[in-house]
Amino acid sequence: MTTRLAVLYGGQSGEHEVSRRSGESILAGLDRERYQVTEVLIDTDGGWHVGGRATPLPQALRVLRAQDVVFPALHGPYGEDGTVASLLEWLGVPYVGNGVFASAAGMDKGVTKRLLAADGLRVSPGVTLRPGEHLSPAEQRRLDLPVFVKPARAGSSLGVVRVTDWAALPAALEQAREVDPKVLVEQGARGREIDVAVLQYPDGRVQAGPPLEIRVSGAGFFDYDAKYDGGAVFQIPAPLDPATTEVLQDRAIRAFHALDCRGLLRVDFFLSGEGAEPIVNEVNTFPGFTAASQFPQIWQRAGLEFPALLDILISGALVDRGPVTLAGLPRPARAVDLV
């Protein structure tokens, strides 16, 4: 018996093209003898397409409701930030990946930092600026240069600017606010860039993969072009001693639990030296699933091929989504009868 599965991708964020690549990779990796697959694409203008045909929203929601499970492959706002998770909760449909809280909290860099710090994890000092707010002289002295100016709720390094002179800060804030009016000014951490992928199995086990080291050529940092246009080299596993590897994996799993994650998470660290406490730079509640993306490459190096990785995530969604929620409360009747 095949499982009815919808792959939901695209979206209205600045990461639309990345989401399309992730969705296409997932579609290509699915076992068509095991899954009856429906493609659901959201255009940049918000239009929905089911199976390649423009579809009114109520009809598209009925299609999603009819699935056994949905695989959201959406990056950035209007998708990865909990909005689509809440829609799927409302529909009563099991779905792959993180729930509403973890998705929303993980999307906001400032909120993520506060939650992780409260759990005892090390993060870089930073200041969140809302519209109309500016960095005070005291905050400048506390952070020191260089700093990174980041849109608070965006991914793929969109709008991120490295600032090495305070005179350049206003322009950097303006650039970041083109992506999100809420920005984070963060002290520039120094050290090796190490990523760790976390995967939850259907039986509830949570495992961290081998650390990946990012080496950037021709760019000052791991920006959008370096991520998707071949400007970075990944080394898996990163050349680390066993004790440091164990610490990184432990901290990644702690971050997974601190954010109440489900299914998967990628945690990005800075490591100033072996034996030093790693700094959590960012988390990604739905990391890229393209051919160039870290998460699938990490698990492939661990011996888990891409189709098997997809099977684990889908099976986990089906197991996790019983008649009782994660909080132990009964699931209410589906409001989707209105659709």
Protein backbone atom coordinates (compact mmCIF):
# COMPACT_ATOMS: atom_id res chain seq x y z
CA MET A 1 0.00 0.00 0.00
CA THR A 2 1.43 3.37 -1.02
CA THR A 3 1.51 6.44 1.19
CA ARG A 4 -0.19 9.54 -0.18
CA LEU A 5 2.41 12.28 0.08
CA ALA A 6 2.36 15.93 -0.99
CA VAL A 7 5.61 17.85 -1.43
CA LEU A 8 4.90 21.53 -0.73
CA TYR A 9 7.55 23.92 -2.03
CA GLY A 10 8.23 27.36 -3.52
CA GLY A 11 6.69 30.07 -1.39
CA GLN A 12 6.71 33.85 -1.31
CA SER A 13 9.99 34.47 0.52
CA GLY A 14 13.29 35.61 -0.93
CA GLU A 15 14.35 31.96 -0.75
CA HIS A 16 11.78 30.84 -3.33
CA GLU A 17 14.37 29.52 -5.78
CA VAL A 18 16.24 27.64 -3.04
CA SER A 19 12.95 26.10 -1.94
CA ARG A 20 12.23 25.02 -5.50
CA ARG A 21 15.62 23.32 -5.65
CA SER A 22 14.97 21.57 -2.34
CA GLY A 23 11.53 20.47 -3.49
CA GLU A 24 12.84 19.17 -6.79
CA SER A 25 15.59 17.20 -4.99
CA ILE A 26 13.01 15.66 -2.66
CA LEU A 27 10.71 14.78 -5.57
CA ALA A 28 13.60 13.13 -7.41
CA GLY A 29 14.64 11.15 -4.31
CA LEU A 30 11.27 9.69 -3.35
CA ASP A 31 10.56 6.00 -3.97
CA ARG A 32 7.54 6.11 -6.30
CA GLU A 33 6.65 2.51 -5.47
CA ARG A 34 6.31 3.51 -1.82
CA TYR A 35 4.73 6.96 -2.21
CA GLN A 36 1.87 8.33 -4.29
CA VAL A 37 3.29 11.81 -4.80
CA THR A 38 1.46 15.08 -5.39
CA GLU A 39 3.43 18.24 -6.20
CA VAL A 40 2.12 21.45 -4.61
CA LEU A 41 3.94 24.63 -5.63
CA ILE A 42 3.36 28.11 -4.20
CA ASP A 43 4.37 30.91 -6.57
CA THR A 44 6.14 34.08 -5.49
CA ASP A 45 2.82 35.92 -5.95
CA GLY A 46 1.03 33.49 -3.63
CA GLY A 47 -0.69 31.45 -6.33
CA TRP A 48 -1.02 27.70 -5.71
CA HIS A 49 -0.33 24.98 -8.30
CA VAL A 50 -1.21 21.32 -7.83
CA GLY A 51 0.38 18.87 -10.22
CA GLY A 52 1.56 21.75 -12.39
CA ARG A 53 -1.88 23.37 -12.74
CA ALA A 54 -3.04 26.64 -11.20
CA THR A 55 -5.43 25.76 -8.37
CA PRO A 56 -7.71 27.94 -6.19
CA LEU A 57 -6.62 27.95 -2.57
CA PRO A 58 -9.71 26.11 -1.17
CA GLN A 59 -9.16 23.30 -3.66
CA ALA A 60 -5.44 23.16 -2.88
CA LEU A 61 -6.24 22.86 0.82
CA ARG A 62 -8.59 19.97 0.09
CA VAL A 63 -5.74 18.27 -1.76
CA LEU A 64 -3.44 18.69 1.24
CA ARG A 65 -6.14 17.45 3.58
CA ALA A 66 -6.50 14.24 1.52
CA GLN A 67 -2.82 13.29 2.02
CA ASP A 68 -1.45 10.82 4.52
CA VAL A 69 1.49 13.18 5.09
CA VAL A 70 2.85 16.47 3.73
CA PHE A 71 6.54 17.22 3.20
CA PRO A 72 6.95 21.03 3.45
CA ALA A 73 10.12 22.11 1.63
CA LEU A 74 9.70 25.82 2.24
CA HIS A 75 12.53 28.10 3.30
CA GLY A 76 12.24 31.49 4.96
CA PRO A 77 9.17 33.57 5.89
CA TYR A 78 5.68 32.42 4.90
CA GLY A 79 6.77 28.80 5.25
CA GLU A 80 9.66 27.85 7.50
CA ASP A 81 8.56 30.33 10.18
CA GLY A 82 5.65 28.27 11.48
CA THR A 83 2.96 29.71 9.23
CA VAL A 84 2.65 26.58 7.09
CA ALA A 85 3.04 24.32 10.13
CA SER A 86 0.04 26.07 11.68
CA LEU A 87 -1.92 25.65 8.45
CA LEU A 88 -1.18 21.92 8.40
CA GLU A 89 -2.10 21.65 12.08
CA TRP A 90 -5.41 23.29 11.23
CA LEU A 91 -5.92 20.83 8.39
CA GLY A 92 -5.12 17.95 10.73
CA VAL A 93 -2.56 16.50 8.33
CA PRO A 94 0.71 14.90 9.52
CA TYR A 95 3.75 16.74 8.20
CA VAL A 96 7.50 16.33 8.11
CA GLY A 97 9.66 18.50 10.32
CA ASN A 98 9.28 20.99 13.10
CA GLY A 99 6.07 22.20 14.67
CA VAL A 100 4.75 25.73 15.02
CA PHE A 101 6.77 26.81 18.06
CA ALA A 102 10.16 25.44 16.99
CA SER A 103 9.70 26.79 13.47
CA ALA A 104 8.73 30.28 14.63
CA ALA A 105 11.38 30.48 17.36
CA GLY A 106 14.10 29.04 15.13
CA MET A 107 13.33 31.54 12.38
CA ASP A 108 13.92 34.55 14.63
CA LYS A 109 17.65 34.78 15.33
CA GLY A 110 17.23 36.97 18.41
CA VAL A 111 14.63 34.67 19.96
CA THR A 112 16.78 31.63 19.14
CA LYS A 113 19.79 33.15 20.90
CA ARG A 114 17.80 33.89 24.05
CA LEU A 115 16.35 30.37 24.22
CA LEU A 116 19.69 28.70 23.65
CA ALA A 117 21.47 30.95 26.15
CA ALA A 118 18.78 30.16 28.73
CA ASP A 119 19.64 26.48 28.25
CA GLY A 120 23.32 27.17 28.93
CA LEU A 121 24.58 27.11 25.35
CA ARG A 122 27.17 29.66 24.26
CA VAL A 123 26.06 32.29 21.74
CA SER A 124 27.69 35.43 20.36
CA PRO A 125 26.70 38.76 21.99
CA GLY A 126 24.19 40.67 19.94
CA VAL A 127 21.55 43.41 19.94
CA THR A 128 18.12 43.18 18.32
CA LEU A 129 16.97 46.40 16.66
CA ARG A 130 13.36 47.00 15.72
CA PRO A 131 12.21 49.61 13.19
CA GLY A 132 13.53 53.05 14.11
CA GLU A 133 16.03 51.75 16.65
CA HIS A 134 19.79 52.25 16.36
CA LEU A 135 22.88 50.87 18.06
CA SER A 136 23.96 53.04 20.98
CA PRO A 137 27.61 54.04 21.58
CA ALA A 138 27.66 51.80 24.67
CA GLU A 139 26.41 48.86 22.59
CA GLN A 140 29.04 49.55 19.95
CA ARG A 141 31.75 49.42 22.61
CA ARG A 142 30.35 46.19 24.03
CA LEU A 143 30.14 44.42 20.68
CA ASP A 144 33.32 45.82 19.10
CA LEU A 145 34.22 45.31 15.45
CA PRO A 146 33.68 43.44 13.27
CA VAL A 147 29.94 42.85 13.57
CA PHE A 148 27.43 41.12 11.36
CA VAL A 149 24.14 42.83 10.57
CA LYS A 150 21.46 40.23 9.87
CA PRO A 151 17.76 40.29 9.08
CA ALA A 152 16.26 38.68 12.18
CA ARG A 153 13.86 36.42 10.25
CA ALA A 154 15.50 35.32 7.02
CA GLY A 155 17.75 32.52 5.87
CA SER A 156 20.34 31.67 3.20
CA SER A 157 22.36 34.69 4.43
CA LEU A 158 20.02 37.04 2.54
CA GLY A 159 20.68 40.65 3.56
CA VAL A 160 23.63 39.78 5.83
CA VAL A 161 26.40 42.40 5.88
CA ARG A 162 29.80 42.26 7.58
CA VAL A 163 30.71 45.64 9.10
CA THR A 164 34.33 46.53 9.89
CA ASP A 165 33.83 50.31 10.33
CA TRP A 166 31.02 51.89 12.38
CA ALA A 167 30.59 54.47 9.62
CA ALA A 168 29.26 51.66 7.42
CA LEU A 169 26.63 50.57 9.95
CA PRO A 170 23.72 52.75 8.70
CA ALA A 171 24.04 51.39 5.16
CA ALA A 172 24.26 47.83 6.49
CA LEU A 173 21.11 48.33 8.58
CA GLU A 174 19.29 49.73 5.57
CA GLN A 175 20.31 46.71 3.47
CA ALA A 176 19.26 44.21 6.13
CA ARG A 177 15.93 46.00 6.68
CA GLU A 178 15.07 45.55 3.02
CA VAL A 179 14.68 41.88 3.95
CA ASP A 180 13.24 42.26 7.47
CA PRO A 181 12.57 45.47 9.47
CA LYS A 182 13.76 43.63 12.59
CA VAL A 183 17.54 43.12 12.53
CA LEU A 184 20.23 41.57 14.68
CA VAL A 185 23.64 43.20 15.13
CA GLU A 186 25.94 40.45 16.28
CA GLN A 187 29.54 40.37 17.41
CA GLY A 188 31.67 38.69 14.75
CA ALA A 189 32.78 35.33 16.11
CA ARG A 190 36.20 34.09 15.11
CA GLY A 191 37.02 30.49 14.43
CA ARG A 192 36.27 27.54 12.22
CA GLU A 193 32.75 27.20 10.82
CA ILE A 194 31.34 23.80 11.78
CA ASP A 195 27.85 22.48 11.04
CA VAL A 196 26.16 19.55 12.77
CA ALA A 197 23.00 17.87 11.47
CA VAL A 198 20.49 16.42 13.94
CA LEU A 199 18.01 13.73 12.92
CA GLN A 200 15.15 12.20 14.91
CA TYR A 201 14.23 8.62 14.06
CA PRO A 202 10.67 7.27 14.11
CA ASP A 203 11.37 5.48 17.42
CA GLY A 204 12.25 8.83 19.03
CA ARG A 205 16.04 8.48 19.00
CA VAL A 206 17.85 11.76 18.30
CA GLN A 207 21.24 11.46 16.61
CA ALA A 208 23.84 13.99 15.50
CA GLY A 209 25.81 13.36 12.32
CA PRO A 210 29.51 13.85 11.68
CA PRO A 211 30.55 17.51 11.90
CA LEU A 212 31.02 19.35 8.61
CA GLU A 213 33.59 22.13 8.20
CA ILE A 214 32.94 25.00 5.79
CA ARG A 215 35.86 26.53 3.97
CA VAL A 216 35.01 29.60 1.91
CA SER A 217 37.10 30.67 -1.07
CA GLY A 218 36.76 34.09 -2.67
CA ALA A 219 34.31 35.45 -0.09
CA GLY A 220 34.64 37.06 3.31
CA PHE A 221 32.02 34.75 4.85
CA PHE A 222 29.56 31.99 3.98
CA ASP A 223 27.10 34.23 2.11
CA TYR A 224 24.33 33.39 -0.38
CA ASP A 225 26.70 33.10 -3.34
CA ALA A 226 29.10 30.88 -1.43
CA LYS A 227 26.20 28.64 -0.37
CA TYR A 228 24.64 28.10 -3.77
CA ASP A 229 27.18 29.07 -6.44
CA GLY A 230 30.09 26.85 -5.49
CA GLY A 231 32.09 29.34 -3.43
CA ALA A 232 32.52 26.96 -0.48
CA VAL A 233 34.10 23.59 0.16
CA PHE A 234 32.66 21.15 2.71
CA GLN A 235 34.88 18.71 4.56
CA ILE A 236 33.04 15.77 6.13
CA PRO A 237 33.94 14.73 8.70
CA ALA A 238 35.69 17.88 9.88
CA PRO A 239 39.26 17.18 11.04
CA LEU A 240 38.62 17.29 14.79
CA ASP A 241 39.73 15.22 17.74
CA PRO A 242 37.10 12.77 19.10
CA ALA A 243 36.45 14.82 22.24
CA THR A 244 35.68 17.99 20.27
CA THR A 245 33.43 16.03 17.89
CA GLU A 246 31.53 14.65 20.86
CA VAL A 247 31.08 18.12 22.38
CA LEU A 248 29.74 19.56 19.11
CA GLN A 249 27.29 16.70 18.69
CA ASP A 250 26.15 17.04 22.29
CA ARG A 251 25.58 20.80 21.92
CA ALA A 252 23.64 20.27 18.68
CA ILE A 253 21.31 17.78 20.36
CA ARG A 254 20.90 20.15 23.31
CA ALA A 255 19.87 22.90 20.88
CA PHE A 256 17.37 20.49 19.28
CA HIS A 257 15.71 19.91 22.65
CA ALA A 258 15.98 23.54 23.81
CA LEU A 259 13.89 24.62 20.82
CA ASP A 260 11.49 21.68 21.19
CA CYS A 261 12.38 20.47 17.72
CA ARG A 262 10.95 17.50 15.89
CA GLY A 263 12.41 15.52 13.01
CA LEU A 264 15.46 17.55 12.07
CA LEU A 265 17.68 20.53 12.77
CA ARG A 266 20.99 21.88 11.54
CA VAL A 267 23.14 23.75 14.05
CA ASP A 268 25.92 26.05 12.83
CA PHE A 269 28.87 26.63 15.17
CA PHE A 270 32.01 28.69 15.41
CA LEU A 271 34.91 26.85 17.00
CA SER A 272 37.80 29.01 18.18
CA GLY A 273 39.99 26.03 19.01
CA GLU A 274 39.80 22.40 19.99
CA GLY A 275 38.86 22.23 23.63
CA ALA A 276 37.04 25.59 23.49
CA GLU A 277 33.31 25.78 24.13
CA PRO A 278 31.69 26.08 20.67
CA ILE A 279 29.57 29.13 19.87
CA VAL A 280 26.14 28.45 18.36
CA ASN A 281 25.93 30.82 15.42
CA GLU A 282 22.53 29.94 13.96
CA VAL A 283 20.06 27.08 13.65
CA ASN A 284 18.02 25.99 10.67
CA THR A 285 14.74 24.21 11.36
CA PHE A 286 14.39 23.19 7.71
CA PRO A 287 17.86 23.15 6.19
CA GLY A 288 18.45 23.03 2.48
CA PHE A 289 17.74 19.77 0.68
CA THR A 290 19.46 20.65 -2.59
CA ALA A 291 22.37 18.72 -4.05
CA ALA A 292 24.68 21.43 -2.64
CA SER A 293 23.18 21.43 0.86
CA GLN A 294 24.98 20.43 4.02
CA PHE A 295 22.25 18.38 5.71
CA PRO A 296 21.90 15.62 3.08
CA GLN A 297 25.66 15.52 2.53
CA ILE A 298 26.32 15.01 6.24
CA TRP A 299 23.96 12.06 6.44
CA GLN A 300 25.26 10.58 3.21
CA ARG A 301 28.75 10.63 4.72
CA ALA A 302 27.27 8.85 7.76
CA GLY A 303 26.05 6.09 5.45
CA LEU A 304 22.46 7.25 5.01
CA GLU A 305 21.58 7.80 1.36
CA PHE A 306 19.12 10.52 0.40
CA PRO A 307 16.06 8.27 -0.27
CA ALA A 308 16.58 6.57 3.11
CA LEU A 309 16.86 9.96 4.83
CA LEU A 310 13.53 10.99 3.29
CA ASP A 311 11.94 7.71 4.43
CA ILE A 312 13.06 8.30 8.03
CA LEU A 313 11.63 11.83 8.10
CA ILE A 314 8.33 10.77 6.53
CA SER A 315 7.95 7.73 8.80
CA GLY A 316 8.71 9.92 11.81
CA ALA A 317 5.97 12.35 10.82
CA LEU A 318 3.45 9.51 10.50
CA VAL A 319 4.41 7.97 13.86
CA ASP A 320 4.52 11.29 15.68
CA ARG A 321 1.14 12.50 14.54
CA GLY A 322 -1.24 10.25 16.42
CA PRO A 323 -4.48 11.22 18.21
CA VAL A 324 -2.45 12.91 20.97
CA THR A 325 -0.26 15.97 20.54
CA LEU A 326 3.32 16.25 21.79
CA ALA A 327 2.03 18.20 24.78
CA GLY A 328 -0.17 15.24 25.76
CA LEU A 329 -3.42 17.05 24.97
CA PRO A 330 -6.15 15.45 22.86
CA ARG A 331 -6.22 16.66 19.29
CA PRO A 332 -9.40 18.66 18.60
CA ALA A 333 -11.72 17.95 15.72
CA ARG A 334 -10.42 19.28 12.42
CA ALA A 335 -11.54 22.79 11.58
CA VAL A 336 -10.92 21.96 7.92
CA ASP A 337 -14.52 20.77 7.55
CA LEU A 338 -15.10 24.44 6.75
CA VAL A 339 -12.94 24.07 3.60
